[in-house]
């Protein structure tokens, strides 16, 4: 088993305080981000398809395509963290700036053409697990909403569980979208780093 840090890492999530007002209206505040993210996802899917052909013939995803997909995944993680109450502040639109729950992805590396060819089939076990974790994340969001609405903070246990689900979710998407050739992992070591240790790649 590799001892090097996993190429897709979720950082942050230490702040537990939440504004009751923004928690109450969280669904409505999420709407503009969902619309922007939908268009971003379409672009990322198109780029990923082109990147698949590029990696199949060259054994590597071009830097520009890699960075575009990374930007989408970073924005996706922020929106999902905001929507599930794993983060408090209203996230910036797009992948720029910073956020309390952030995604760190290593630069592109050489990829095995055979695993690129069969990537979607190789990811099937992870997709099945992801289906369970997505539903669990929704339950975490409901629990976070009720608790934060009354206490002004989320429980550490729910925050940890939510970050666990979100971490595996973004790792699976990163694997499918070819920004990372390593199979998705659950563990925190290598895994989540404190925010002050994060080293984020450049935003395209």
N, C-alpha and C. Protein backbone atom coordinates (compact mmCIF):
# COMPACT_ATOMS: atom_id res chain seq x y z
N UNK A 1 0.84 -1.18 0.00
CA UNK A 1 0.00 0.00 0.00
C UNK A 1 0.88 1.25 0.00
N UNK A 2 0.48 2.25 -0.84
CA UNK A 2 1.31 3.45 -0.97
C UNK A 2 1.26 4.29 0.31
N UNK A 3 2.42 4.86 0.66
CA UNK A 3 2.49 5.73 1.84
C UNK A 3 2.47 7.20 1.45
N UNK A 4 2.44 7.48 0.17
CA UNK A 4 2.38 8.87 -0.29
C UNK A 4 0.96 9.41 -0.10
N UNK A 5 0.82 10.71 0.13
CA UNK A 5 -0.52 11.28 0.31
C UNK A 5 -1.41 10.99 -0.89
N UNK A 6 -2.66 10.72 -0.61
CA UNK A 6 -3.61 10.46 -1.69
C UNK A 6 -3.75 11.73 -2.54
N UNK A 7 -3.81 11.59 -3.87
CA UNK A 7 -3.78 12.77 -4.76
C UNK A 7 -4.98 13.70 -4.64
N UNK A 8 -6.09 13.23 -4.09
CA UNK A 8 -7.28 14.06 -3.92
C UNK A 8 -7.58 14.15 -2.43
N UNK A 9 -7.45 15.35 -1.87
CA UNK A 9 -7.58 15.51 -0.42
C UNK A 9 -8.59 16.60 -0.08
N UNK A 10 -9.40 16.32 0.91
CA UNK A 10 -10.36 17.30 1.42
C UNK A 10 -9.76 17.94 2.65
N UNK A 11 -9.72 19.26 2.68
CA UNK A 11 -9.08 19.95 3.80
C UNK A 11 -10.07 20.90 4.48
N UNK A 12 -9.81 21.18 5.75
CA UNK A 12 -10.67 22.09 6.49
C UNK A 12 -11.74 21.34 7.26
N UNK A 13 -12.85 22.02 7.49
CA UNK A 13 -13.96 21.42 8.20
C UNK A 13 -13.85 21.48 9.71
N UNK A 14 -12.91 22.28 10.23
CA UNK A 14 -12.73 22.34 11.68
C UNK A 14 -13.73 23.28 12.36
N UNK A 15 -14.17 24.34 11.68
CA UNK A 15 -15.08 25.31 12.28
C UNK A 15 -16.48 24.72 12.38
N UNK A 16 -17.07 24.73 13.57
CA UNK A 16 -18.37 24.12 13.80
C UNK A 16 -19.49 25.14 13.99
N UNK A 17 -19.16 26.41 14.21
CA UNK A 17 -20.18 27.42 14.42
C UNK A 17 -20.91 27.74 13.11
N UNK A 18 -22.22 27.96 13.21
CA UNK A 18 -23.03 28.28 12.04
C UNK A 18 -23.99 29.44 12.37
N UNK A 19 -24.27 30.25 11.38
CA UNK A 19 -25.27 31.30 11.53
C UNK A 19 -26.67 30.67 11.41
N UNK A 20 -27.51 30.86 12.42
CA UNK A 20 -28.85 30.26 12.38
C UNK A 20 -29.66 30.80 11.21
N UNK A 21 -29.46 32.08 10.88
CA UNK A 21 -30.23 32.69 9.79
C UNK A 21 -29.88 32.05 8.45
N UNK A 22 -28.58 31.91 8.17
CA UNK A 22 -28.19 31.31 6.89
C UNK A 22 -28.49 29.81 6.85
N UNK A 23 -28.48 29.17 8.02
CA UNK A 23 -28.88 27.75 8.07
C UNK A 23 -30.36 27.61 7.71
N UNK A 24 -31.18 28.48 8.27
CA UNK A 24 -32.62 28.41 8.02
C UNK A 24 -32.93 28.57 6.53
N UNK A 25 -32.23 29.49 5.87
CA UNK A 25 -32.49 29.76 4.45
C UNK A 25 -31.48 29.04 3.53
N UNK A 26 -30.83 28.02 4.03
CA UNK A 26 -29.74 27.38 3.28
C UNK A 26 -30.19 26.89 1.89
N UNK A 27 -31.36 26.28 1.81
CA UNK A 27 -31.84 25.75 0.53
C UNK A 27 -31.99 26.85 -0.51
N UNK A 28 -32.53 27.98 -0.09
CA UNK A 28 -32.73 29.10 -1.02
C UNK A 28 -31.39 29.73 -1.41
N UNK A 29 -30.48 29.83 -0.46
CA UNK A 29 -29.16 30.39 -0.76
C UNK A 29 -28.39 29.49 -1.72
N UNK A 30 -28.74 28.22 -1.73
CA UNK A 30 -28.03 27.25 -2.57
C UNK A 30 -28.42 27.35 -4.04
N UNK A 31 -29.61 27.88 -4.33
CA UNK A 31 -30.16 27.85 -5.69
C UNK A 31 -29.23 28.46 -6.74
N UNK A 32 -28.70 29.67 -6.56
CA UNK A 32 -27.82 30.23 -7.61
C UNK A 32 -26.58 29.38 -7.85
N UNK A 33 -26.03 28.78 -6.79
CA UNK A 33 -24.87 27.93 -6.96
C UNK A 33 -25.21 26.65 -7.74
N UNK A 34 -26.37 26.10 -7.49
CA UNK A 34 -26.79 24.89 -8.21
C UNK A 34 -26.90 25.17 -9.70
N UNK A 35 -27.43 26.36 -10.04
CA UNK A 35 -27.56 26.73 -11.46
C UNK A 35 -26.19 26.88 -12.11
N UNK A 36 -25.29 27.62 -11.45
CA UNK A 36 -23.94 27.80 -12.00
C UNK A 36 -23.21 26.47 -12.09
N UNK A 37 -23.35 25.65 -11.05
CA UNK A 37 -22.66 24.37 -11.02
C UNK A 37 -23.14 23.44 -12.12
N UNK A 38 -24.42 23.53 -12.48
CA UNK A 38 -24.96 22.68 -13.55
C UNK A 38 -24.27 22.99 -14.88
N UNK A 39 -24.08 24.28 -15.18
CA UNK A 39 -23.39 24.65 -16.41
C UNK A 39 -21.91 24.26 -16.35
N UNK A 40 -21.32 24.43 -15.18
CA UNK A 40 -19.92 24.05 -14.98
C UNK A 40 -19.76 22.54 -15.20
N UNK A 41 -20.73 21.77 -14.73
CA UNK A 41 -20.67 20.31 -14.86
C UNK A 41 -20.74 19.88 -16.32
N UNK A 42 -21.54 20.57 -17.11
CA UNK A 42 -21.63 20.25 -18.53
C UNK A 42 -20.27 20.47 -19.20
N UNK A 43 -19.64 21.60 -18.88
CA UNK A 43 -18.32 21.88 -19.43
C UNK A 43 -17.29 20.87 -18.98
N UNK A 44 -17.35 20.50 -17.69
CA UNK A 44 -16.39 19.52 -17.16
C UNK A 44 -16.57 18.16 -17.81
N UNK A 45 -17.81 17.79 -18.11
CA UNK A 45 -18.07 16.50 -18.75
C UNK A 45 -17.50 16.48 -20.17
N UNK A 46 -17.70 17.57 -20.89
CA UNK A 46 -17.16 17.67 -22.25
C UNK A 46 -15.64 17.59 -22.22
N UNK A 47 -15.04 18.34 -21.31
CA UNK A 47 -13.58 18.34 -21.19
C UNK A 47 -13.08 16.95 -20.78
N UNK A 48 -13.80 16.28 -19.89
CA UNK A 48 -13.39 14.95 -19.44
C UNK A 48 -13.42 13.94 -20.58
N UNK A 49 -14.40 14.05 -21.46
CA UNK A 49 -14.48 13.14 -22.61
C UNK A 49 -13.28 13.35 -23.54
N UNK A 50 -12.96 14.62 -23.78
CA UNK A 50 -11.79 14.93 -24.62
C UNK A 50 -10.51 14.46 -23.92
N UNK A 51 -10.46 14.66 -22.61
CA UNK A 51 -9.29 14.23 -21.83
C UNK A 51 -9.13 12.72 -21.86
N UNK A 52 -10.24 12.01 -21.91
CA UNK A 52 -10.20 10.54 -21.97
C UNK A 52 -9.48 10.09 -23.25
N UNK A 53 -9.83 10.71 -24.37
CA UNK A 53 -9.16 10.37 -25.63
C UNK A 53 -7.68 10.76 -25.58
N UNK A 54 -7.41 11.93 -25.01
CA UNK A 54 -6.02 12.39 -24.92
C UNK A 54 -5.19 11.43 -24.07
N UNK A 55 -5.73 11.04 -22.91
CA UNK A 55 -5.00 10.13 -22.02
C UNK A 55 -4.87 8.75 -22.62
N UNK A 56 -5.85 8.35 -23.42
CA UNK A 56 -5.81 7.03 -24.05
C UNK A 56 -4.68 6.94 -25.06
N UNK A 57 -4.38 8.05 -25.74
CA UNK A 57 -3.35 8.04 -26.77
C UNK A 57 -1.98 8.51 -26.25
N UNK A 58 -1.99 9.38 -25.25
CA UNK A 58 -0.71 9.93 -24.77
C UNK A 58 -0.32 9.42 -23.39
N UNK A 59 -1.27 8.80 -22.68
CA UNK A 59 -0.99 8.34 -21.33
C UNK A 59 -0.99 9.44 -20.29
N UNK A 60 -1.60 10.58 -20.64
CA UNK A 60 -1.58 11.72 -19.71
C UNK A 60 -2.70 12.69 -20.07
N UNK A 61 -3.34 13.27 -19.07
CA UNK A 61 -4.34 14.31 -19.29
C UNK A 61 -3.62 15.64 -19.42
N UNK A 62 -3.88 16.40 -20.50
CA UNK A 62 -3.22 17.71 -20.66
C UNK A 62 -3.47 18.62 -19.47
N UNK A 63 -2.48 19.44 -19.15
CA UNK A 63 -2.55 20.30 -17.96
C UNK A 63 -3.80 21.18 -17.94
N UNK A 64 -4.11 21.81 -19.06
CA UNK A 64 -5.26 22.70 -19.10
C UNK A 64 -6.57 21.99 -18.80
N UNK A 65 -6.72 20.81 -19.37
CA UNK A 65 -7.94 20.03 -19.12
C UNK A 65 -7.99 19.57 -17.67
N UNK A 66 -6.86 19.13 -17.17
CA UNK A 66 -6.78 18.71 -15.77
C UNK A 66 -7.19 19.85 -14.84
N UNK A 67 -6.66 21.04 -15.08
CA UNK A 67 -6.96 22.18 -14.21
C UNK A 67 -8.43 22.59 -14.29
N UNK A 68 -9.02 22.47 -15.48
CA UNK A 68 -10.44 22.82 -15.62
C UNK A 68 -11.31 21.87 -14.81
N UNK A 69 -11.02 20.57 -14.91
CA UNK A 69 -11.80 19.59 -14.16
C UNK A 69 -11.57 19.76 -12.66
N UNK A 70 -10.32 20.05 -12.27
CA UNK A 70 -10.02 20.30 -10.86
C UNK A 70 -10.84 21.49 -10.35
N UNK A 71 -10.93 22.54 -11.16
CA UNK A 71 -11.73 23.71 -10.78
C UNK A 71 -13.19 23.35 -10.55
N UNK A 72 -13.72 22.51 -11.44
CA UNK A 72 -15.11 22.07 -11.27
C UNK A 72 -15.27 21.27 -9.98
N UNK A 73 -14.37 20.32 -9.73
CA UNK A 73 -14.47 19.49 -8.54
C UNK A 73 -14.34 20.32 -7.26
N UNK A 74 -13.47 21.31 -7.30
CA UNK A 74 -13.30 22.17 -6.13
C UNK A 74 -14.58 22.95 -5.85
N UNK A 75 -15.17 23.50 -6.90
CA UNK A 75 -16.42 24.24 -6.74
C UNK A 75 -17.55 23.30 -6.29
N UNK A 76 -17.58 22.10 -6.86
CA UNK A 76 -18.58 21.10 -6.50
C UNK A 76 -18.48 20.75 -5.01
N UNK A 77 -17.28 20.56 -4.52
CA UNK A 77 -17.07 20.23 -3.11
C UNK A 77 -17.53 21.38 -2.21
N UNK A 78 -17.24 22.61 -2.62
CA UNK A 78 -17.65 23.77 -1.82
C UNK A 78 -19.18 23.87 -1.74
N UNK A 79 -19.83 23.73 -2.89
CA UNK A 79 -21.29 23.83 -2.93
C UNK A 79 -21.94 22.73 -2.10
N UNK A 80 -21.41 21.52 -2.23
CA UNK A 80 -21.97 20.41 -1.47
C UNK A 80 -21.72 20.59 0.03
N UNK A 81 -20.55 21.09 0.39
CA UNK A 81 -20.26 21.35 1.80
C UNK A 81 -21.20 22.42 2.36
N UNK A 82 -21.46 23.45 1.57
CA UNK A 82 -22.38 24.50 2.00
C UNK A 82 -23.79 23.95 2.12
N UNK A 83 -24.22 23.18 1.13
CA UNK A 83 -25.57 22.66 1.13
C UNK A 83 -25.85 21.67 2.24
N UNK A 84 -24.85 20.94 2.67
CA UNK A 84 -25.03 19.93 3.72
C UNK A 84 -24.64 20.47 5.10
N UNK A 85 -24.43 21.77 5.22
CA UNK A 85 -24.10 22.46 6.46
C UNK A 85 -22.72 22.03 7.00
N UNK A 86 -21.88 21.47 6.17
CA UNK A 86 -20.52 21.13 6.59
C UNK A 86 -19.63 22.36 6.60
N UNK A 87 -20.10 23.43 5.99
CA UNK A 87 -19.40 24.71 6.00
C UNK A 87 -20.42 25.81 6.20
N UNK A 88 -19.99 26.93 6.78
CA UNK A 88 -20.92 27.99 7.11
C UNK A 88 -21.04 29.11 6.09
N UNK A 89 -19.92 29.70 5.65
CA UNK A 89 -20.00 30.89 4.78
C UNK A 89 -20.56 30.57 3.40
N UNK A 90 -21.16 31.60 2.79
CA UNK A 90 -21.63 31.49 1.41
C UNK A 90 -20.40 31.34 0.52
N UNK A 91 -20.33 30.27 -0.29
CA UNK A 91 -19.11 30.03 -1.08
C UNK A 91 -18.99 30.99 -2.26
N UNK A 92 -17.77 31.28 -2.69
CA UNK A 92 -17.59 32.09 -3.90
C UNK A 92 -18.04 31.29 -5.12
N UNK A 93 -18.47 32.00 -6.16
CA UNK A 93 -18.85 31.33 -7.39
C UNK A 93 -17.58 30.90 -8.13
N UNK A 94 -17.53 29.65 -8.53
CA UNK A 94 -16.35 29.14 -9.22
C UNK A 94 -15.31 28.62 -8.25
N UNK A 95 -14.11 28.39 -8.77
CA UNK A 95 -13.05 27.74 -8.00
C UNK A 95 -12.06 28.71 -7.38
N UNK A 96 -12.24 30.01 -7.60
CA UNK A 96 -11.29 30.97 -7.07
C UNK A 96 -11.48 31.24 -5.59
N UNK A 97 -10.55 31.98 -5.02
CA UNK A 97 -10.63 32.33 -3.61
C UNK A 97 -10.37 31.14 -2.71
N UNK A 98 -10.88 31.22 -1.49
CA UNK A 98 -10.69 30.14 -0.53
C UNK A 98 -12.01 29.87 0.17
N UNK A 99 -12.07 28.73 0.87
CA UNK A 99 -13.30 28.32 1.54
C UNK A 99 -12.94 27.42 2.71
N UNK A 100 -13.76 27.39 3.76
CA UNK A 100 -13.42 26.58 4.94
C UNK A 100 -13.33 25.08 4.66
N UNK A 101 -14.06 24.59 3.67
CA UNK A 101 -13.91 23.20 3.22
C UNK A 101 -13.38 23.25 1.80
N UNK A 102 -12.17 22.79 1.60
CA UNK A 102 -11.49 22.97 0.32
C UNK A 102 -10.99 21.63 -0.21
N UNK A 103 -10.80 21.60 -1.52
CA UNK A 103 -10.32 20.40 -2.20
C UNK A 103 -8.91 20.64 -2.72
N UNK A 104 -8.04 19.70 -2.45
CA UNK A 104 -6.64 19.76 -2.89
C UNK A 104 -6.39 18.58 -3.82
N UNK A 105 -5.94 18.85 -5.04
CA UNK A 105 -5.68 17.80 -6.02
C UNK A 105 -4.30 18.00 -6.62
N UNK A 106 -3.52 16.93 -6.67
CA UNK A 106 -2.17 16.99 -7.19
C UNK A 106 -2.16 17.27 -8.70
N UNK A 107 -1.04 17.76 -9.24
CA UNK A 107 -0.92 17.98 -10.68
C UNK A 107 -1.07 16.68 -11.46
N UNK A 108 -1.31 16.77 -12.78
CA UNK A 108 -1.49 15.55 -13.59
C UNK A 108 -0.23 14.70 -13.63
N UNK A 109 -0.44 13.39 -13.72
CA UNK A 109 0.66 12.43 -13.80
C UNK A 109 0.38 11.46 -14.94
N UNK A 110 1.39 10.66 -15.26
CA UNK A 110 1.20 9.62 -16.27
C UNK A 110 0.15 8.62 -15.81
N UNK A 111 -0.69 8.16 -16.76
CA UNK A 111 -1.73 7.20 -16.43
C UNK A 111 -1.62 5.98 -17.34
N UNK A 112 -1.96 4.83 -16.77
CA UNK A 112 -1.96 3.59 -17.53
C UNK A 112 -3.10 3.62 -18.54
N UNK A 113 -2.78 3.44 -19.82
CA UNK A 113 -3.80 3.54 -20.86
C UNK A 113 -4.90 2.50 -20.70
N UNK A 114 -4.55 1.34 -20.20
CA UNK A 114 -5.54 0.28 -20.03
C UNK A 114 -6.56 0.65 -18.97
N UNK A 115 -6.09 1.23 -17.86
CA UNK A 115 -7.03 1.64 -16.81
C UNK A 115 -7.84 2.86 -17.25
N UNK A 116 -7.27 3.68 -18.12
CA UNK A 116 -8.03 4.80 -18.69
C UNK A 116 -9.16 4.26 -19.56
N UNK A 117 -8.86 3.27 -20.38
CA UNK A 117 -9.84 2.70 -21.28
C UNK A 117 -11.04 2.13 -20.52
N UNK A 118 -10.75 1.45 -19.40
CA UNK A 118 -11.82 0.79 -18.65
C UNK A 118 -12.18 1.54 -17.37
N UNK A 119 -11.89 2.84 -17.31
CA UNK A 119 -12.07 3.59 -16.07
C UNK A 119 -13.48 3.51 -15.51
N UNK A 120 -14.48 3.70 -16.36
CA UNK A 120 -15.85 3.71 -15.86
C UNK A 120 -16.25 2.35 -15.29
N UNK A 121 -15.73 1.26 -15.89
CA UNK A 121 -16.05 -0.07 -15.37
C UNK A 121 -15.31 -0.34 -14.07
N UNK A 122 -14.07 0.13 -13.98
CA UNK A 122 -13.30 -0.04 -12.76
C UNK A 122 -13.93 0.74 -11.60
N UNK A 123 -14.63 1.80 -11.92
CA UNK A 123 -15.21 2.64 -10.88
C UNK A 123 -16.56 2.12 -10.37
N UNK A 124 -17.11 1.09 -10.99
CA UNK A 124 -18.45 0.61 -10.61
C UNK A 124 -18.57 0.27 -9.12
N UNK A 125 -17.60 -0.48 -8.51
CA UNK A 125 -17.73 -0.74 -7.07
C UNK A 125 -17.79 0.54 -6.24
N UNK A 126 -17.00 1.53 -6.63
CA UNK A 126 -17.01 2.81 -5.90
C UNK A 126 -18.33 3.54 -6.09
N UNK A 127 -18.90 3.44 -7.27
CA UNK A 127 -20.18 4.09 -7.54
C UNK A 127 -21.28 3.48 -6.68
N UNK A 128 -21.22 2.16 -6.48
CA UNK A 128 -22.20 1.49 -5.63
C UNK A 128 -22.06 1.96 -4.18
N UNK A 129 -20.82 2.06 -3.72
CA UNK A 129 -20.58 2.57 -2.36
C UNK A 129 -21.02 4.02 -2.27
N UNK A 130 -20.77 4.76 -3.32
CA UNK A 130 -21.10 6.18 -3.34
C UNK A 130 -22.60 6.40 -3.20
N UNK A 131 -23.39 5.52 -3.78
CA UNK A 131 -24.84 5.63 -3.67
C UNK A 131 -25.27 5.59 -2.21
N UNK A 132 -24.67 4.70 -1.44
CA UNK A 132 -24.97 4.59 -0.02
C UNK A 132 -24.50 5.84 0.73
N UNK A 133 -23.26 6.28 0.44
CA UNK A 133 -22.71 7.42 1.16
C UNK A 133 -23.42 8.73 0.82
N UNK A 134 -23.93 8.86 -0.41
CA UNK A 134 -24.68 10.05 -0.77
C UNK A 134 -25.95 10.15 0.07
N UNK A 135 -26.65 9.03 0.22
CA UNK A 135 -27.85 9.04 1.05
C UNK A 135 -27.52 9.31 2.51
N UNK A 136 -26.39 8.77 2.96
CA UNK A 136 -25.95 9.04 4.32
C UNK A 136 -25.61 10.52 4.50
N UNK A 137 -25.01 11.12 3.47
CA UNK A 137 -24.67 12.55 3.53
C UNK A 137 -25.93 13.40 3.61
N UNK A 138 -27.00 12.99 2.91
CA UNK A 138 -28.26 13.73 3.00
C UNK A 138 -28.82 13.67 4.42
N UNK A 139 -28.70 12.51 5.06
CA UNK A 139 -29.16 12.39 6.45
C UNK A 139 -28.32 13.26 7.38
N UNK A 140 -27.02 13.31 7.12
CA UNK A 140 -26.14 14.19 7.89
C UNK A 140 -26.57 15.65 7.72
N UNK A 141 -26.91 16.02 6.50
CA UNK A 141 -27.34 17.40 6.23
C UNK A 141 -28.60 17.74 7.02
N UNK A 142 -29.54 16.80 7.08
CA UNK A 142 -30.77 17.04 7.83
C UNK A 142 -30.47 17.20 9.32
N UNK A 143 -29.62 16.30 9.84
CA UNK A 143 -29.23 16.41 11.24
C UNK A 143 -28.51 17.70 11.53
N UNK A 144 -27.58 18.08 10.66
CA UNK A 144 -26.85 19.34 10.83
C UNK A 144 -27.79 20.54 10.82
N UNK A 145 -28.79 20.49 9.94
CA UNK A 145 -29.72 21.61 9.81
C UNK A 145 -30.49 21.84 11.10
N UNK A 146 -31.05 20.77 11.65
CA UNK A 146 -31.85 20.90 12.87
C UNK A 146 -30.99 21.32 14.07
N UNK A 147 -29.84 20.68 14.21
CA UNK A 147 -28.99 20.99 15.36
C UNK A 147 -28.45 22.42 15.26
N UNK A 148 -27.95 22.80 14.07
CA UNK A 148 -27.37 24.14 13.89
C UNK A 148 -28.43 25.23 14.04
N UNK A 149 -29.66 24.91 13.65
CA UNK A 149 -30.74 25.89 13.75
C UNK A 149 -31.03 26.24 15.22
N UNK A 150 -30.89 25.26 16.10
CA UNK A 150 -31.19 25.49 17.51
C UNK A 150 -29.96 25.85 18.34
N UNK A 151 -28.80 25.30 17.97
CA UNK A 151 -27.60 25.51 18.78
C UNK A 151 -26.60 26.47 18.18
N UNK A 152 -26.75 26.77 16.89
CA UNK A 152 -25.79 27.65 16.23
C UNK A 152 -24.46 26.99 15.93
N UNK A 153 -24.43 25.67 15.94
CA UNK A 153 -23.22 24.92 15.63
C UNK A 153 -23.61 23.50 15.23
N UNK A 154 -22.73 22.82 14.54
CA UNK A 154 -23.00 21.43 14.15
C UNK A 154 -22.24 20.50 15.10
N UNK A 155 -22.76 19.30 15.35
CA UNK A 155 -22.06 18.35 16.22
C UNK A 155 -20.77 17.86 15.58
N UNK A 156 -19.70 17.72 16.33
CA UNK A 156 -18.43 17.23 15.77
C UNK A 156 -18.58 15.87 15.09
N UNK A 157 -19.41 14.99 15.66
CA UNK A 157 -19.59 13.67 15.07
C UNK A 157 -20.22 13.73 13.69
N UNK A 158 -21.25 14.56 13.54
CA UNK A 158 -21.89 14.69 12.23
C UNK A 158 -20.96 15.37 11.23
N UNK A 159 -20.18 16.33 11.70
CA UNK A 159 -19.21 17.00 10.82
C UNK A 159 -18.18 15.99 10.30
N UNK A 160 -17.68 15.15 11.21
CA UNK A 160 -16.69 14.14 10.82
C UNK A 160 -17.29 13.14 9.84
N UNK A 161 -18.49 12.69 10.12
CA UNK A 161 -19.16 11.73 9.23
C UNK A 161 -19.44 12.35 7.87
N UNK A 162 -19.89 13.60 7.88
CA UNK A 162 -20.16 14.28 6.61
C UNK A 162 -18.92 14.47 5.78
N UNK A 163 -17.81 14.84 6.43
CA UNK A 163 -16.55 15.00 5.72
C UNK A 163 -16.06 13.67 5.16
N UNK A 164 -16.28 12.59 5.89
CA UNK A 164 -15.92 11.26 5.41
C UNK A 164 -16.67 10.94 4.12
N UNK A 165 -17.98 11.19 4.11
CA UNK A 165 -18.80 10.91 2.92
C UNK A 165 -18.38 11.81 1.76
N UNK A 166 -18.20 13.10 2.05
CA UNK A 166 -17.83 14.04 1.00
C UNK A 166 -16.46 13.72 0.43
N UNK A 167 -15.54 13.30 1.28
CA UNK A 167 -14.20 12.96 0.83
C UNK A 167 -14.24 11.82 -0.20
N UNK A 168 -14.96 10.75 0.14
CA UNK A 168 -15.02 9.63 -0.79
C UNK A 168 -15.77 10.01 -2.07
N UNK A 169 -16.76 10.87 -1.94
CA UNK A 169 -17.51 11.32 -3.11
C UNK A 169 -16.62 12.05 -4.10
N UNK A 170 -15.85 13.03 -3.62
CA UNK A 170 -15.01 13.80 -4.54
C UNK A 170 -13.85 12.95 -5.07
N UNK A 171 -13.37 12.00 -4.27
CA UNK A 171 -12.31 11.12 -4.76
C UNK A 171 -12.81 10.23 -5.88
N UNK A 172 -14.04 9.75 -5.74
CA UNK A 172 -14.61 8.91 -6.79
C UNK A 172 -14.82 9.70 -8.07
N UNK A 173 -15.35 10.91 -7.93
CA UNK A 173 -15.53 11.77 -9.11
C UNK A 173 -14.19 12.12 -9.74
N UNK A 174 -13.19 12.37 -8.90
CA UNK A 174 -11.87 12.67 -9.44
C UNK A 174 -11.28 11.50 -10.20
N UNK A 175 -11.53 10.28 -9.72
CA UNK A 175 -11.04 9.08 -10.41
C UNK A 175 -11.75 8.90 -11.75
N UNK A 176 -13.06 9.07 -11.74
CA UNK A 176 -13.83 8.89 -12.98
C UNK A 176 -13.47 9.96 -14.00
N UNK A 177 -13.25 11.20 -13.54
CA UNK A 177 -12.96 12.31 -14.44
C UNK A 177 -11.48 12.43 -14.79
N UNK A 178 -10.70 11.44 -14.39
CA UNK A 178 -9.31 11.28 -14.85
C UNK A 178 -8.32 12.27 -14.26
N UNK A 179 -8.66 12.94 -13.19
CA UNK A 179 -7.66 13.83 -12.59
C UNK A 179 -6.73 13.06 -11.66
N UNK A 180 -7.05 11.80 -11.42
CA UNK A 180 -6.28 10.98 -10.49
C UNK A 180 -6.34 9.52 -10.91
N UNK A 181 -5.19 8.86 -11.13
CA UNK A 181 -5.20 7.46 -11.55
C UNK A 181 -5.32 6.47 -10.41
N UNK A 182 -5.18 6.92 -9.16
CA UNK A 182 -5.24 6.00 -8.03
C UNK A 182 -6.67 5.74 -7.60
N UNK A 183 -6.94 4.47 -7.24
CA UNK A 183 -8.29 4.06 -6.90
C UNK A 183 -8.74 4.81 -5.65
N UNK A 184 -10.02 5.23 -5.58
CA UNK A 184 -10.52 5.97 -4.42
C UNK A 184 -10.28 5.23 -3.11
N UNK A 185 -9.87 5.99 -2.09
CA UNK A 185 -9.57 5.43 -0.78
C UNK A 185 -10.44 6.09 0.28
N UNK A 186 -10.75 5.33 1.33
CA UNK A 186 -11.55 5.85 2.43
C UNK A 186 -10.72 6.61 3.45
N UNK A 187 -9.52 6.11 3.72
CA UNK A 187 -8.77 6.51 4.90
C UNK A 187 -8.36 7.97 4.95
N UNK A 188 -8.08 8.42 6.15
CA UNK A 188 -7.60 9.78 6.36
C UNK A 188 -6.08 9.84 6.30
N UNK A 189 -5.41 8.70 6.38
CA UNK A 189 -3.95 8.68 6.31
C UNK A 189 -3.51 7.68 5.24
N UNK A 190 -3.18 8.16 4.02
CA UNK A 190 -3.24 9.56 3.62
C UNK A 190 -4.68 10.00 3.36
N UNK A 191 -4.96 11.27 3.62
CA UNK A 191 -6.31 11.75 3.42
C UNK A 191 -6.45 13.20 3.76
N UNK A 192 -7.35 13.52 4.67
CA UNK A 192 -7.63 14.90 5.01
C UNK A 192 -6.46 15.55 5.73
N UNK A 193 -6.13 16.75 5.34
CA UNK A 193 -5.08 17.53 5.99
C UNK A 193 -5.70 18.75 6.65
N UNK A 194 -5.07 19.27 7.70
CA UNK A 194 -5.55 20.55 8.25
C UNK A 194 -5.44 21.65 7.20
N UNK A 195 -6.31 22.64 7.29
CA UNK A 195 -6.32 23.70 6.28
C UNK A 195 -4.99 24.41 6.17
N UNK A 196 -4.27 24.59 7.29
CA UNK A 196 -3.00 25.31 7.22
C UNK A 196 -1.89 24.49 6.56
N UNK A 197 -2.16 23.21 6.26
CA UNK A 197 -1.17 22.39 5.58
C UNK A 197 -1.53 22.18 4.11
N UNK A 198 -2.64 22.76 3.68
CA UNK A 198 -3.09 22.53 2.31
C UNK A 198 -2.22 23.29 1.32
N UNK A 199 -2.04 22.68 0.16
CA UNK A 199 -1.29 23.31 -0.93
C UNK A 199 -2.11 23.16 -2.18
N UNK A 200 -2.94 24.17 -2.48
CA UNK A 200 -3.91 24.04 -3.56
C UNK A 200 -3.26 24.32 -4.91
N UNK A 201 -3.68 23.55 -5.94
CA UNK A 201 -3.15 23.78 -7.28
C UNK A 201 -3.70 25.08 -7.85
N UNK A 202 -3.07 25.61 -8.90
CA UNK A 202 -3.54 26.87 -9.47
C UNK A 202 -4.92 26.73 -10.07
N UNK A 203 -5.72 27.78 -9.96
CA UNK A 203 -7.06 27.79 -10.53
C UNK A 203 -6.96 28.19 -11.99
N UNK A 204 -7.61 27.40 -12.89
CA UNK A 204 -7.52 27.75 -14.31
C UNK A 204 -8.23 29.08 -14.59
